[in-house]
Amino acid sequence: MRTIPMLIMLSICLGVAAWLFFLWSVKSGQYDDIEGPKHRMLEDEEEEEDS
């Protein structure tokens, strides 16, 4: 009988952890520029390095 409450608590903890990870990724800017890499891939210009 202890299994069901333990599984419920485990699923709540995992859900909260996933939510916190998502909030961290949004605050760190992971979703700021979704279209940029697609357009950079098509450009032929090479970046010049300053020596």
Protein backbone atom coordinates (compact mmCIF):
# COMPACT_ATOMS: atom_id res chain seq x y z
CA MET A 1 0.00 0.00 0.00
CA ARG A 2 2.99 2.33 0.36
CA THR A 3 3.87 2.02 -3.31
CA ILE A 4 1.15 4.30 -4.72
CA PRO A 5 1.91 7.34 -2.48
CA MET A 6 5.64 6.86 -3.12
CA LEU A 7 5.08 6.82 -6.90
CA ILE A 8 2.85 9.89 -6.68
CA MET A 9 5.50 11.81 -4.73
CA LEU A 10 8.21 10.65 -7.13
CA SER A 11 6.21 11.83 -10.16
CA ILE A 12 5.54 15.20 -8.51
CA CYS A 13 9.23 15.63 -7.72
CA LEU A 14 10.24 14.74 -11.28
CA GLY A 15 7.64 17.13 -12.69
CA VAL A 16 8.87 19.99 -10.51
CA ALA A 17 12.48 19.22 -11.49
CA ALA A 18 11.58 19.29 -15.19
CA TRP A 19 9.71 22.58 -14.72
CA LEU A 20 12.68 24.15 -12.91
CA PHE A 21 15.04 22.94 -15.64
CA PHE A 22 12.77 24.50 -18.28
CA LEU A 23 12.68 27.82 -16.39
CA TRP A 24 16.47 27.79 -16.10
CA SER A 25 16.85 27.16 -19.85
CA VAL A 26 14.48 30.02 -20.70
CA LYS A 27 16.29 32.44 -18.37
CA SER A 28 19.69 31.47 -19.77
CA GLY A 29 18.58 32.35 -23.31
CA GLN A 30 18.32 28.94 -24.92
CA TYR A 31 15.18 29.91 -26.85
CA ASP A 32 16.07 33.47 -27.84
CA ASP A 33 17.00 32.96 -31.49
CA ILE A 34 15.36 29.91 -33.03
CA GLU A 35 15.66 31.05 -36.66
CA GLY A 36 19.28 32.24 -36.52
CA PRO A 37 21.16 28.94 -36.93
CA LYS A 38 19.05 28.04 -39.96
CA HIS A 39 20.03 31.25 -41.74
CA ARG A 40 23.69 31.16 -40.65
CA MET A 41 24.00 27.68 -42.14
CA LEU A 42 23.10 29.02 -45.59
CA GLU A 43 25.56 31.93 -45.59
CA ASP A 44 28.80 31.43 -47.49
CA GLU A 45 30.72 34.15 -45.72
CA GLU A 46 33.56 32.98 -43.53
CA GLU A 47 34.36 34.92 -40.40
CA GLU A 48 37.65 36.78 -40.56
CA GLU A 49 39.92 36.35 -37.57
CA ASP A 50 41.84 39.36 -36.32
CA SER A 51 45.51 38.50 -35.98
